[in-house]
Amino acid sequence: MIGRDLAVEGAIQNADIVEVWGSVRGAVLADHLVIHPGGMVTGRIDTGGADVNGLLDGRVRVRNLISIGPSGAVRGNVRYGRLSLAMGGDLAAEVRNVPPELGGDFEVVVKRGQSVAVTSADLHATDAEDGAAALTYAVSNVARGFLALVAAPRKAIIQFTQADIEAGRVLFVHDGSGLDPAGFDVVVADSQGATTGAPRRVSVAVLE
């Protein structure tokens, strides 16, 4: 807690909840940030959620919901998962949706000339705002096979969703060419067009 008459300069790191009535200049890394009326936080902020009823200014990343109340003002460069702006709140920042995140072990194993389901353990995408059906994979640089859906296992695809993976509908189909490693690249986009960035390689080991 930063009291009304307290001014902090420096870094607050690995905090659970930071509540500010006074002022903080520097860096804040916390699970949740609450700025009360009259409070001020400026600098580099990375938090899971934020309730703003004072001033927030700087390079801000809020992974889930940033809620700007009637007395709140937000400036600077803001990346967010979800945004709520009350009547009277002031948002004068460059804002961008937080892009989805890509995880998994990025490894698939298939028998030569056969197919295997791509599972969430191999590859999964998450996003603060969108569900699985709105997270779309774009496929490129496929080697020694192709991606397909269970309903049409001979038809190559270049797009599928996280919902398809979770339902077990996505296959990697090996072309039978040998035991050399196969693979493909993926990028995931959310409903607002934010992406996971540079293509990520998924390696496919081929067994006899």
N, C-alpha and C. Protein backbone atom coordinates (compact mmCIF):
# COMPACT_ATOMS: atom_id res chain seq x y z
N MET A 1 0.84 -1.19 0.00
CA MET A 1 0.00 0.00 0.00
C MET A 1 0.88 1.25 0.00
N ILE A 2 0.56 2.15 -0.90
CA ILE A 2 1.26 3.44 -0.98
C ILE A 2 0.29 4.50 -0.47
N GLY A 3 0.55 5.04 0.73
CA GLY A 3 -0.36 5.98 1.36
C GLY A 3 -0.47 7.31 0.63
N ARG A 4 -1.46 8.08 1.02
CA ARG A 4 -1.78 9.33 0.32
C ARG A 4 -0.62 10.32 0.34
N ASP A 5 0.15 10.36 1.38
CA ASP A 5 1.25 11.33 1.49
C ASP A 5 2.60 10.70 1.16
N LEU A 6 2.59 9.52 0.56
CA LEU A 6 3.84 8.80 0.29
C LEU A 6 4.16 8.84 -1.20
N ALA A 7 5.42 9.13 -1.53
CA ALA A 7 5.90 9.11 -2.92
C ALA A 7 7.04 8.10 -3.01
N VAL A 8 6.89 7.15 -3.92
CA VAL A 8 7.88 6.08 -4.09
C VAL A 8 8.54 6.23 -5.45
N GLU A 9 9.86 6.20 -5.47
CA GLU A 9 10.62 6.18 -6.72
C GLU A 9 11.47 4.92 -6.74
N GLY A 10 11.31 4.13 -7.79
CA GLY A 10 12.05 2.87 -7.87
C GLY A 10 11.16 1.77 -8.43
N ALA A 11 11.41 0.54 -7.99
CA ALA A 11 10.70 -0.60 -8.55
C ALA A 11 9.95 -1.36 -7.47
N ILE A 12 8.73 -1.74 -7.78
CA ILE A 12 7.94 -2.65 -6.96
C ILE A 12 7.78 -3.93 -7.78
N GLN A 13 8.32 -5.04 -7.28
CA GLN A 13 8.35 -6.26 -8.07
C GLN A 13 7.72 -7.43 -7.33
N ASN A 14 7.16 -8.35 -8.14
CA ASN A 14 6.62 -9.62 -7.62
C ASN A 14 5.59 -9.42 -6.51
N ALA A 15 4.78 -8.40 -6.67
CA ALA A 15 3.74 -8.11 -5.67
C ALA A 15 2.43 -8.81 -6.04
N ASP A 16 1.62 -9.03 -5.03
CA ASP A 16 0.28 -9.58 -5.25
C ASP A 16 -0.65 -8.44 -5.67
N ILE A 17 -1.06 -7.60 -4.72
CA ILE A 17 -1.90 -6.44 -5.03
C ILE A 17 -1.17 -5.18 -4.57
N VAL A 18 -1.07 -4.21 -5.46
CA VAL A 18 -0.48 -2.92 -5.13
C VAL A 18 -1.60 -1.88 -5.14
N GLU A 19 -1.82 -1.22 -4.00
CA GLU A 19 -2.83 -0.17 -3.90
C GLU A 19 -2.14 1.17 -3.70
N VAL A 20 -2.52 2.15 -4.52
CA VAL A 20 -1.82 3.43 -4.53
C VAL A 20 -2.79 4.57 -4.26
N TRP A 21 -2.55 5.30 -3.14
CA TRP A 21 -3.24 6.56 -2.88
C TRP A 21 -2.28 7.74 -3.13
N GLY A 22 -0.99 7.49 -2.98
CA GLY A 22 0.04 8.51 -3.21
C GLY A 22 0.57 8.43 -4.63
N SER A 23 1.91 8.33 -4.78
CA SER A 23 2.48 8.28 -6.12
C SER A 23 3.62 7.27 -6.19
N VAL A 24 3.74 6.66 -7.37
CA VAL A 24 4.82 5.72 -7.68
C VAL A 24 5.41 6.13 -9.01
N ARG A 25 6.74 6.32 -9.03
CA ARG A 25 7.46 6.59 -10.28
C ARG A 25 8.53 5.52 -10.44
N GLY A 26 8.46 4.78 -11.52
CA GLY A 26 9.46 3.74 -11.73
C GLY A 26 8.85 2.54 -12.44
N ALA A 27 8.89 1.39 -11.78
CA ALA A 27 8.39 0.15 -12.38
C ALA A 27 7.52 -0.58 -11.37
N VAL A 28 6.44 -1.17 -11.87
CA VAL A 28 5.55 -1.97 -11.03
C VAL A 28 5.29 -3.30 -11.73
N LEU A 29 5.59 -4.39 -11.03
CA LEU A 29 5.29 -5.74 -11.51
C LEU A 29 4.43 -6.41 -10.45
N ALA A 30 3.16 -6.66 -10.77
CA ALA A 30 2.22 -7.15 -9.76
C ALA A 30 1.11 -7.95 -10.41
N ASP A 31 0.42 -8.73 -9.56
CA ASP A 31 -0.75 -9.46 -10.06
C ASP A 31 -1.92 -8.51 -10.31
N HIS A 32 -2.03 -7.47 -9.47
CA HIS A 32 -3.14 -6.52 -9.64
C HIS A 32 -2.72 -5.15 -9.11
N LEU A 33 -3.12 -4.12 -9.83
CA LEU A 33 -2.81 -2.74 -9.47
C LEU A 33 -4.10 -1.97 -9.27
N VAL A 34 -4.20 -1.29 -8.13
CA VAL A 34 -5.36 -0.44 -7.85
C VAL A 34 -4.86 0.98 -7.60
N ILE A 35 -5.31 1.92 -8.42
CA ILE A 35 -4.95 3.33 -8.23
C ILE A 35 -6.21 4.06 -7.77
N HIS A 36 -6.18 4.55 -6.55
CA HIS A 36 -7.34 5.21 -5.97
C HIS A 36 -7.39 6.68 -6.42
N PRO A 37 -8.53 7.36 -6.26
CA PRO A 37 -8.62 8.77 -6.64
C PRO A 37 -7.51 9.58 -5.98
N GLY A 38 -6.82 10.38 -6.78
CA GLY A 38 -5.70 11.16 -6.31
C GLY A 38 -4.37 10.45 -6.40
N GLY A 39 -4.37 9.14 -6.62
CA GLY A 39 -3.14 8.37 -6.76
C GLY A 39 -2.55 8.49 -8.15
N MET A 40 -1.25 8.22 -8.27
CA MET A 40 -0.57 8.35 -9.55
C MET A 40 0.51 7.28 -9.68
N VAL A 41 0.53 6.59 -10.81
CA VAL A 41 1.59 5.62 -11.11
C VAL A 41 2.13 5.94 -12.49
N THR A 42 3.44 6.19 -12.58
CA THR A 42 4.06 6.49 -13.87
C THR A 42 5.30 5.62 -14.03
N GLY A 43 5.54 5.19 -15.26
CA GLY A 43 6.72 4.39 -15.54
C GLY A 43 6.38 3.16 -16.35
N ARG A 44 7.00 2.04 -16.00
CA ARG A 44 6.79 0.79 -16.71
C ARG A 44 5.99 -0.14 -15.81
N ILE A 45 4.81 -0.52 -16.28
CA ILE A 45 3.88 -1.29 -15.45
C ILE A 45 3.52 -2.58 -16.17
N ASP A 46 3.62 -3.70 -15.45
CA ASP A 46 3.23 -5.01 -15.98
C ASP A 46 2.38 -5.68 -14.90
N THR A 47 1.10 -5.88 -15.19
CA THR A 47 0.20 -6.40 -14.18
C THR A 47 -0.87 -7.28 -14.80
N GLY A 48 -1.42 -8.17 -13.97
CA GLY A 48 -2.49 -9.03 -14.47
C GLY A 48 -3.78 -8.27 -14.71
N GLY A 49 -4.11 -7.35 -13.79
CA GLY A 49 -5.31 -6.54 -13.92
C GLY A 49 -5.08 -5.19 -13.28
N ALA A 50 -5.91 -4.20 -13.64
CA ALA A 50 -5.73 -2.85 -13.08
C ALA A 50 -7.08 -2.16 -12.95
N ASP A 51 -7.29 -1.53 -11.77
CA ASP A 51 -8.43 -0.66 -11.53
C ASP A 51 -7.88 0.75 -11.38
N VAL A 52 -8.25 1.64 -12.29
CA VAL A 52 -7.65 2.97 -12.33
C VAL A 52 -8.69 4.03 -12.02
N ASN A 53 -8.51 4.68 -10.87
CA ASN A 53 -9.34 5.83 -10.52
C ASN A 53 -8.49 7.06 -10.24
N GLY A 54 -7.19 6.95 -10.53
CA GLY A 54 -6.26 8.07 -10.47
C GLY A 54 -5.59 8.19 -11.83
N LEU A 55 -4.28 8.43 -11.83
CA LEU A 55 -3.54 8.59 -13.08
C LEU A 55 -2.59 7.42 -13.28
N LEU A 56 -2.64 6.83 -14.47
CA LEU A 56 -1.71 5.78 -14.90
C LEU A 56 -1.06 6.26 -16.18
N ASP A 57 0.27 6.33 -16.19
CA ASP A 57 0.98 6.92 -17.33
C ASP A 57 2.28 6.18 -17.54
N GLY A 58 2.54 5.74 -18.78
CA GLY A 58 3.81 5.09 -19.09
C GLY A 58 3.65 3.97 -20.09
N ARG A 59 4.59 3.02 -20.03
CA ARG A 59 4.50 1.81 -20.84
C ARG A 59 3.80 0.75 -19.99
N VAL A 60 2.57 0.45 -20.37
CA VAL A 60 1.69 -0.34 -19.52
C VAL A 60 1.28 -1.63 -20.24
N ARG A 61 1.41 -2.73 -19.52
CA ARG A 61 0.90 -4.02 -20.02
C ARG A 61 -0.02 -4.61 -18.97
N VAL A 62 -1.30 -4.74 -19.32
CA VAL A 62 -2.30 -5.34 -18.44
C VAL A 62 -2.80 -6.59 -19.15
N ARG A 63 -2.46 -7.75 -18.61
CA ARG A 63 -2.73 -8.99 -19.33
C ARG A 63 -4.21 -9.33 -19.41
N ASN A 64 -4.99 -8.94 -18.41
CA ASN A 64 -6.42 -9.23 -18.41
C ASN A 64 -7.21 -7.92 -18.52
N LEU A 65 -7.95 -7.54 -17.50
CA LEU A 65 -8.85 -6.38 -17.61
C LEU A 65 -8.22 -5.13 -17.01
N ILE A 66 -8.23 -4.04 -17.79
CA ILE A 66 -7.94 -2.72 -17.25
C ILE A 66 -9.27 -1.97 -17.16
N SER A 67 -9.64 -1.59 -15.95
CA SER A 67 -10.90 -0.91 -15.71
C SER A 67 -10.61 0.54 -15.32
N ILE A 68 -11.08 1.47 -16.13
CA ILE A 68 -10.85 2.89 -15.90
C ILE A 68 -12.14 3.49 -15.34
N GLY A 69 -12.07 3.94 -14.09
CA GLY A 69 -13.24 4.46 -13.41
C GLY A 69 -13.55 5.90 -13.75
N PRO A 70 -14.59 6.48 -13.16
CA PRO A 70 -15.03 7.84 -13.50
C PRO A 70 -13.97 8.90 -13.24
N SER A 71 -13.07 8.67 -12.28
CA SER A 71 -12.01 9.65 -12.00
C SER A 71 -10.66 9.19 -12.51
N GLY A 72 -10.64 8.13 -13.31
CA GLY A 72 -9.38 7.57 -13.80
C GLY A 72 -8.91 8.23 -15.08
N ALA A 73 -7.59 8.27 -15.27
CA ALA A 73 -6.99 8.79 -16.50
C ALA A 73 -5.81 7.90 -16.86
N VAL A 74 -5.73 7.51 -18.12
CA VAL A 74 -4.66 6.64 -18.60
C VAL A 74 -3.97 7.31 -19.78
N ARG A 75 -2.64 7.39 -19.68
CA ARG A 75 -1.81 8.00 -20.72
C ARG A 75 -0.73 7.00 -21.14
N GLY A 76 -0.01 7.33 -22.21
CA GLY A 76 1.16 6.55 -22.58
C GLY A 76 0.87 5.50 -23.63
N ASN A 77 1.50 4.33 -23.46
CA ASN A 77 1.38 3.22 -24.39
C ASN A 77 0.85 2.02 -23.61
N VAL A 78 -0.33 1.56 -23.99
CA VAL A 78 -1.02 0.55 -23.18
C VAL A 78 -1.34 -0.67 -24.03
N ARG A 79 -0.94 -1.83 -23.52
CA ARG A 79 -1.35 -3.12 -24.09
C ARG A 79 -2.26 -3.80 -23.08
N TYR A 80 -3.36 -4.34 -23.55
CA TYR A 80 -4.36 -4.85 -22.62
C TYR A 80 -5.02 -6.11 -23.16
N GLY A 81 -5.58 -6.89 -22.24
CA GLY A 81 -6.41 -8.03 -22.64
C GLY A 81 -7.83 -7.61 -22.87
N ARG A 82 -8.43 -6.92 -21.86
CA ARG A 82 -9.78 -6.38 -21.97
C ARG A 82 -9.79 -4.98 -21.38
N LEU A 83 -10.71 -4.15 -21.86
CA LEU A 83 -10.75 -2.75 -21.47
C LEU A 83 -12.16 -2.36 -21.08
N SER A 84 -12.28 -1.67 -19.93
CA SER A 84 -13.57 -1.12 -19.48
C SER A 84 -13.35 0.35 -19.15
N LEU A 85 -14.17 1.23 -19.74
CA LEU A 85 -14.05 2.68 -19.54
C LEU A 85 -15.37 3.23 -19.05
N ALA A 86 -15.39 3.73 -17.81
CA ALA A 86 -16.61 4.30 -17.24
C ALA A 86 -16.83 5.72 -17.75
N MET A 87 -18.07 6.17 -17.71
CA MET A 87 -18.37 7.54 -18.08
C MET A 87 -17.58 8.49 -17.17
N GLY A 88 -16.89 9.44 -17.76
CA GLY A 88 -16.05 10.36 -17.00
C GLY A 88 -14.59 9.96 -16.99
N GLY A 89 -14.30 8.68 -17.27
CA GLY A 89 -12.92 8.22 -17.36
C GLY A 89 -12.22 8.80 -18.58
N ASP A 90 -10.90 8.91 -18.51
CA ASP A 90 -10.13 9.57 -19.57
C ASP A 90 -9.09 8.59 -20.10
N LEU A 91 -9.19 8.27 -21.36
CA LEU A 91 -8.22 7.40 -22.02
C LEU A 91 -7.60 8.16 -23.18
N ALA A 92 -6.35 8.55 -23.01
CA ALA A 92 -5.64 9.30 -24.04
C ALA A 92 -4.29 8.62 -24.28
N ALA A 93 -4.33 7.33 -24.51
CA ALA A 93 -3.12 6.53 -24.67
C ALA A 93 -3.16 5.82 -26.01
N GLU A 94 -1.97 5.43 -26.46
CA GLU A 94 -1.88 4.51 -27.59
C GLU A 94 -2.17 3.12 -27.06
N VAL A 95 -3.25 2.51 -27.53
CA VAL A 95 -3.69 1.24 -26.95
C VAL A 95 -3.62 0.13 -27.99
N ARG A 96 -3.24 -1.04 -27.52
CA ARG A 96 -3.21 -2.23 -28.36
C ARG A 96 -3.67 -3.43 -27.54
N ASN A 97 -4.36 -4.33 -28.23
CA ASN A 97 -4.76 -5.58 -27.62
C ASN A 97 -3.52 -6.44 -27.34
N VAL A 98 -3.47 -7.07 -26.18
CA VAL A 98 -2.39 -8.01 -25.88
C VAL A 98 -2.50 -9.21 -26.82
N PRO A 99 -1.43 -9.58 -27.51
CA PRO A 99 -1.51 -10.69 -28.45
C PRO A 99 -1.66 -12.02 -27.74
N PRO A 100 -2.13 -13.04 -28.46
CA PRO A 100 -2.21 -14.38 -27.85
C PRO A 100 -0.83 -14.92 -27.54
N GLU A 101 -0.81 -15.92 -26.67
CA GLU A 101 0.44 -16.59 -26.30
C GLU A 101 0.40 -18.03 -26.79
N LEU A 102 1.56 -18.51 -27.20
CA LEU A 102 1.67 -19.83 -27.79
C LEU A 102 2.51 -20.71 -26.88
N GLY A 103 2.03 -21.92 -26.61
CA GLY A 103 2.75 -22.84 -25.74
C GLY A 103 2.66 -24.27 -26.24
N GLY A 104 3.15 -25.18 -25.42
CA GLY A 104 3.22 -26.59 -25.79
C GLY A 104 4.66 -27.05 -25.87
N ASP A 105 4.87 -28.33 -26.17
CA ASP A 105 6.25 -28.82 -26.30
C ASP A 105 6.77 -28.70 -27.73
N PHE A 106 5.88 -28.33 -28.67
CA PHE A 106 6.25 -28.11 -30.08
C PHE A 106 6.92 -29.34 -30.69
N GLU A 107 6.47 -30.51 -30.28
CA GLU A 107 7.01 -31.77 -30.79
C GLU A 107 5.88 -32.75 -31.04
N VAL A 108 5.90 -33.38 -32.22
CA VAL A 108 4.91 -34.37 -32.61
C VAL A 108 5.68 -35.61 -33.06
N VAL A 109 5.11 -36.78 -32.82
CA VAL A 109 5.72 -38.04 -33.25
C VAL A 109 4.72 -38.77 -34.14
N VAL A 110 5.18 -39.22 -35.31
CA VAL A 110 4.30 -39.91 -36.25
C VAL A 110 5.04 -41.11 -36.85
N LYS A 111 4.31 -42.16 -37.19
CA LYS A 111 4.90 -43.29 -37.90
C LYS A 111 4.94 -42.98 -39.40
N ARG A 112 5.98 -43.48 -40.04
CA ARG A 112 6.18 -43.16 -41.45
C ARG A 112 4.96 -43.55 -42.28
N GLY A 113 4.50 -42.59 -43.09
CA GLY A 113 3.37 -42.82 -43.98
C GLY A 113 2.01 -42.79 -43.30
N GLN A 114 1.96 -42.47 -42.01
CA GLN A 114 0.70 -42.46 -41.29
C GLN A 114 0.39 -41.05 -40.79
N SER A 115 -0.68 -40.94 -40.03
CA SER A 115 -1.09 -39.64 -39.50
C SER A 115 -1.18 -39.70 -37.98
N VAL A 116 -1.14 -38.53 -37.35
CA VAL A 116 -1.25 -38.44 -35.90
C VAL A 116 -1.97 -37.15 -35.55
N ALA A 117 -2.76 -37.18 -34.47
CA ALA A 117 -3.46 -35.97 -34.03
C ALA A 117 -2.47 -35.01 -33.37
N VAL A 118 -2.63 -33.73 -33.66
CA VAL A 118 -1.88 -32.67 -32.97
C VAL A 118 -2.69 -32.30 -31.74
N THR A 119 -2.10 -32.46 -30.55
CA THR A 119 -2.83 -32.27 -29.31
C THR A 119 -2.46 -30.94 -28.65
N SER A 120 -3.22 -30.59 -27.60
CA SER A 120 -2.92 -29.37 -26.85
C SER A 120 -1.60 -29.46 -26.11
N ALA A 121 -1.14 -30.67 -25.82
CA ALA A 121 0.18 -30.82 -25.22
C ALA A 121 1.27 -30.45 -26.21
N ASP A 122 1.03 -30.71 -27.48
CA ASP A 122 1.99 -30.35 -28.53
C ASP A 122 1.97 -28.85 -28.81
N LEU A 123 0.76 -28.29 -28.81
CA LEU A 123 0.58 -26.93 -29.30
C LEU A 123 -0.69 -26.35 -28.70
N HIS A 124 -0.59 -25.22 -28.04
CA HIS A 124 -1.81 -24.57 -27.55
C HIS A 124 -1.62 -23.05 -27.52
N ALA A 125 -2.72 -22.36 -27.79
CA ALA A 125 -2.72 -20.89 -27.78
C ALA A 125 -3.74 -20.41 -26.76
N THR A 126 -3.40 -19.32 -26.06
CA THR A 126 -4.31 -18.71 -25.09
C THR A 126 -4.36 -17.20 -25.32
N ASP A 127 -5.46 -16.61 -24.94
CA ASP A 127 -5.63 -15.17 -25.12
C ASP A 127 -6.53 -14.65 -24.01
N ALA A 128 -6.23 -13.46 -23.50
CA ALA A 128 -7.01 -12.90 -22.39
C ALA A 128 -8.44 -12.59 -22.78
N GLU A 129 -8.67 -12.31 -24.06
CA GLU A 129 -9.99 -11.85 -24.49
C GLU A 129 -10.76 -12.87 -25.29
N ASP A 130 -10.06 -13.66 -26.12
CA ASP A 130 -10.73 -14.56 -27.04
C ASP A 130 -10.69 -16.00 -26.58
N GLY A 131 -11.74 -16.74 -26.93
CA GLY A 131 -11.78 -18.17 -26.67
C GLY A 131 -11.10 -18.96 -27.76
N ALA A 132 -11.11 -20.28 -27.59
CA ALA A 132 -10.38 -21.16 -28.49
C ALA A 132 -10.84 -21.04 -29.95
N ALA A 133 -12.14 -20.85 -30.16
CA ALA A 133 -12.65 -20.80 -31.53
C ALA A 133 -12.19 -19.57 -32.29
N ALA A 134 -11.77 -18.51 -31.57
CA ALA A 134 -11.34 -17.27 -32.22
C ALA A 134 -9.83 -17.18 -32.39
N LEU A 135 -9.10 -18.20 -31.97
CA LEU A 135 -7.64 -18.20 -32.11
C LEU A 135 -7.27 -19.06 -33.31
N THR A 136 -6.78 -18.40 -34.36
CA THR A 136 -6.58 -19.06 -35.65
C THR A 136 -5.09 -19.25 -35.93
N TYR A 137 -4.72 -20.48 -36.24
CA TYR A 137 -3.35 -20.83 -36.62
C TYR A 137 -3.18 -20.68 -38.13
N ALA A 138 -2.08 -20.05 -38.54
CA ALA A 138 -1.68 -20.03 -39.96
C ALA A 138 -0.45 -20.92 -40.09
N VAL A 139 -0.48 -21.83 -41.04
CA VAL A 139 0.56 -22.85 -41.22
C VAL A 139 1.42 -22.50 -42.43
N SER A 140 2.74 -22.69 -42.30
CA SER A 140 3.66 -22.47 -43.42
C SER A 140 4.85 -23.42 -43.30
N ASN A 141 5.64 -23.50 -44.37
CA ASN A 141 6.89 -24.27 -44.38
C ASN A 141 6.70 -25.71 -43.88
N VAL A 142 5.70 -26.36 -44.41
CA VAL A 142 5.45 -27.75 -44.02
C VAL A 142 6.44 -28.66 -44.75
N ALA A 143 7.09 -29.56 -44.00
CA ALA A 143 8.07 -30.46 -44.58
C ALA A 143 7.64 -31.91 -44.39
N ARG A 144 7.70 -32.70 -45.46
CA ARG A 144 7.48 -34.15 -45.45
C ARG A 144 6.09 -34.54 -44.96
N GLY A 145 5.09 -33.78 -45.38
CA GLY A 145 3.73 -34.10 -45.03
C GLY A 145 2.83 -32.89 -45.14
N PHE A 146 1.68 -32.95 -44.49
CA PHE A 146 0.75 -31.82 -44.50
C PHE A 146 -0.17 -31.92 -43.30
N LEU A 147 -0.84 -30.80 -43.00
CA LEU A 147 -1.87 -30.75 -41.97
C LEU A 147 -3.22 -31.00 -42.61
N ALA A 148 -4.09 -31.69 -41.88
CA ALA A 148 -5.44 -31.97 -42.38
C ALA A 148 -6.40 -32.06 -41.21
N LEU A 149 -7.68 -32.03 -41.53
CA LEU A 149 -8.72 -32.24 -40.53
C LEU A 149 -9.19 -33.69 -40.60
N VAL A 150 -9.62 -34.21 -39.45
CA VAL A 150 -10.05 -35.60 -39.38
C VAL A 150 -11.16 -35.88 -40.39
N ALA A 151 -12.04 -34.91 -40.60
CA ALA A 151 -13.17 -35.11 -41.52
C ALA A 151 -12.72 -35.22 -42.98
N ALA A 152 -11.53 -34.73 -43.31
CA ALA A 152 -11.02 -34.79 -44.69
C ALA A 152 -9.51 -35.03 -44.64
N PRO A 153 -9.08 -36.23 -44.27
CA PRO A 153 -7.67 -36.50 -43.99
C PRO A 153 -6.74 -36.44 -45.20
N ARG A 154 -7.28 -36.37 -46.40
CA ARG A 154 -6.42 -36.28 -47.59
C ARG A 154 -6.31 -34.86 -48.14
N LYS A 155 -6.99 -33.92 -47.50
CA LYS A 155 -7.01 -32.54 -47.98
C LYS A 155 -6.14 -31.67 -47.09
N ALA A 156 -5.08 -31.10 -47.67
CA ALA A 156 -4.17 -30.25 -46.89
C ALA A 156 -4.85 -28.94 -46.51
N ILE A 157 -4.56 -28.47 -45.30
CA ILE A 157 -5.09 -27.20 -44.82
C ILE A 157 -3.93 -26.29 -44.41
N ILE A 158 -4.19 -25.00 -44.43
CA ILE A 158 -3.18 -24.04 -43.98
C ILE A 158 -3.69 -23.20 -42.82
N GLN A 159 -4.90 -23.49 -42.35
CA GLN A 159 -5.46 -22.80 -41.19
C GLN A 159 -6.29 -23.77 -40.36
N PHE A 160 -6.28 -23.54 -39.05
CA PHE A 160 -7.17 -24.25 -38.14
C PHE A 160 -7.23 -23.43 -36.86
N THR A 161 -8.09 -23.81 -35.94
CA THR A 161 -8.26 -23.03 -34.71
C THR A 161 -7.81 -23.84 -33.49
N GLN A 162 -7.68 -23.14 -32.37
CA GLN A 162 -7.37 -23.83 -31.13
C GLN A 162 -8.51 -24.78 -30.75
N ALA A 163 -9.75 -24.40 -31.09
CA ALA A 163 -10.89 -25.28 -30.83
C ALA A 163 -10.75 -26.58 -31.61
N ASP A 164 -10.22 -26.51 -32.83
CA ASP A 164 -9.99 -27.74 -33.62
C ASP A 164 -9.00 -28.65 -32.92
N ILE A 165 -7.92 -28.06 -32.37
CA ILE A 165 -6.94 -28.88 -31.66
C ILE A 165 -7.58 -29.54 -30.44
N GLU A 166 -8.32 -28.74 -29.65
CA GLU A 166 -8.90 -29.27 -28.42
C GLU A 166 -9.93 -30.36 -28.69
N ALA A 167 -10.56 -30.31 -29.87
CA ALA A 167 -11.54 -31.33 -30.24
C ALA A 167 -10.89 -32.54 -30.92
N GLY A 168 -9.57 -32.53 -31.09
CA GLY A 168 -8.88 -33.65 -31.72
C GLY A 168 -9.09 -33.74 -33.22
N ARG A 169 -9.36 -32.59 -33.86
CA ARG A 169 -9.68 -32.60 -35.29
C ARG A 169 -8.49 -32.36 -36.20
N VAL A 170 -7.32 -32.00 -35.66
CA VAL A 170 -6.18 -31.63 -36.50
C VAL A 170 -5.19 -32.79 -36.58
N LEU A 171 -4.79 -33.14 -37.79
CA LEU A 171 -3.84 -34.22 -38.04
C LEU A 171 -2.59 -33.70 -38.72
N PHE A 172 -1.45 -34.33 -38.39
CA PHE A 172 -0.28 -34.22 -39.27
C PHE A 172 -0.20 -35.53 -40.05
N VAL A 173 -0.18 -35.42 -41.37
CA VAL A 173 -0.16 -36.59 -42.25
C VAL A 173 1.23 -36.68 -42.88
N HIS A 174 1.96 -37.76 -42.58
CA HIS A 174 3.30 -37.93 -43.13
C HIS A 174 3.21 -38.46 -44.55
N ASP A 175 4.15 -38.02 -45.40
CA ASP A 175 4.10 -38.40 -46.82
C ASP A 175 4.81 -39.72 -47.13
N GLY A 176 5.37 -40.38 -46.11
CA GLY A 176 6.01 -41.68 -46.33
C GLY A 176 7.38 -41.63 -46.95
N SER A 177 7.98 -40.44 -47.02
CA SER A 177 9.23 -40.27 -47.77
C SER A 177 10.47 -40.77 -47.07
N GLY A 178 10.41 -41.09 -45.80
CA GLY A 178 11.59 -41.57 -45.09
C GLY A 178 11.50 -41.20 -43.63
N LEU A 179 12.62 -41.36 -42.92
CA LEU A 179 12.64 -41.12 -41.49
C LEU A 179 13.26 -39.78 -41.12
N ASP A 180 13.56 -38.96 -42.13
CA ASP A 180 14.09 -37.63 -41.82
C ASP A 180 13.04 -36.81 -41.07
N PRO A 181 13.48 -35.93 -40.18
CA PRO A 181 12.52 -35.12 -39.41
C PRO A 181 11.60 -34.31 -40.33
N ALA A 182 10.34 -34.20 -39.92
CA ALA A 182 9.36 -33.38 -40.61
C ALA A 182 9.03 -32.18 -39.71
N GLY A 183 8.08 -31.37 -40.16
CA GLY A 183 7.69 -30.24 -39.31
C GLY A 183 6.90 -29.19 -40.05
N PHE A 184 6.52 -28.15 -39.31
CA PHE A 184 5.77 -27.04 -39.89
C PHE A 184 5.89 -25.84 -38.97
N ASP A 185 5.65 -24.64 -39.52
CA ASP A 185 5.67 -23.39 -38.77
C ASP A 185 4.24 -22.91 -38.52
N VAL A 186 4.03 -22.25 -37.37
CA VAL A 186 2.71 -21.70 -37.07
C VAL A 186 2.83 -20.29 -36.50
N VAL A 187 1.81 -19.49 -36.80
CA VAL A 187 1.58 -18.20 -36.17
C VAL A 187 0.11 -18.17 -35.79
N VAL A 188 -0.20 -17.64 -34.61
CA VAL A 188 -1.59 -17.58 -34.15
C VAL A 188 -2.06 -16.12 -34.10
N ALA A 189 -3.27 -15.88 -34.59
CA ALA A 189 -3.88 -14.55 -34.54
C ALA A 189 -5.18 -14.61 -33.75
N ASP A 190 -5.48 -13.52 -33.01
CA ASP A 190 -6.76 -13.44 -32.31
C ASP A 190 -7.78 -12.71 -33.18
N SER A 191 -8.96 -12.46 -32.62
CA SER A 191 -10.05 -11.88 -33.41
C SER A 191 -9.78 -10.44 -33.82
N GLN A 192 -8.84 -9.75 -33.12
CA GLN A 192 -8.52 -8.38 -33.47
C GLN A 192 -7.27 -8.26 -34.34
N GLY A 193 -6.72 -9.41 -34.74
CA GLY A 193 -5.57 -9.40 -35.63
C GLY A 193 -4.22 -9.41 -34.94
N ALA A 194 -4.19 -9.38 -33.60
CA ALA A 194 -2.92 -9.46 -32.89
C ALA A 194 -2.37 -10.88 -33.03
N THR A 195 -1.06 -11.02 -33.24
CA THR A 195 -0.46 -12.33 -33.49
C THR A 195 0.62 -12.67 -32.46
N THR A 196 1.03 -13.92 -32.50
CA THR A 196 2.08 -14.39 -31.60
C THR A 196 3.47 -14.01 -32.11
N GLY A 197 3.56 -13.32 -33.24
CA GLY A 197 4.85 -12.83 -33.72
C GLY A 197 5.49 -13.73 -34.76
N ALA A 198 6.79 -13.91 -34.65
CA ALA A 198 7.53 -14.70 -35.63
C ALA A 198 7.03 -16.15 -35.64
N PRO A 199 7.05 -16.80 -36.80
CA PRO A 199 6.60 -18.20 -36.87
C PRO A 199 7.38 -19.09 -35.90
N ARG A 200 6.66 -20.03 -35.30
CA ARG A 200 7.27 -20.98 -34.36
C ARG A 200 7.28 -22.37 -35.01
N ARG A 201 8.42 -23.02 -34.97
CA ARG A 201 8.57 -24.32 -35.62
C ARG A 201 8.05 -25.44 -34.72
N VAL A 202 7.26 -26.32 -35.30
CA VAL A 202 6.83 -27.54 -34.63
C VAL A 202 7.56 -28.70 -35.29
N SER A 203 8.36 -29.42 -34.51
CA SER A 203 9.15 -30.52 -35.05
C SER A 203 8.34 -31.81 -35.04
N VAL A 204 8.48 -32.60 -36.09
CA VAL A 204 7.77 -33.88 -36.17
C VAL A 204 8.82 -34.99 -36.34
N ALA A 205 8.93 -35.84 -35.34
CA ALA A 205 9.84 -36.99 -35.41
C ALA A 205 9.11 -38.14 -36.13
N VAL A 206 9.82 -38.81 -37.02
CA VAL A 206 9.23 -39.87 -37.83
C VAL A 206 9.80 -41.22 -37.40
N LEU A 207 8.92 -42.16 -37.06
CA LEU A 207 9.32 -43.49 -36.62
C LEU A 207 8.97 -44.53 -37.67
N GLU A 208 9.72 -45.61 -37.70
CA GLU A 208 9.46 -46.72 -38.64
C GLU A 208 8.20 -47.45 -38.23
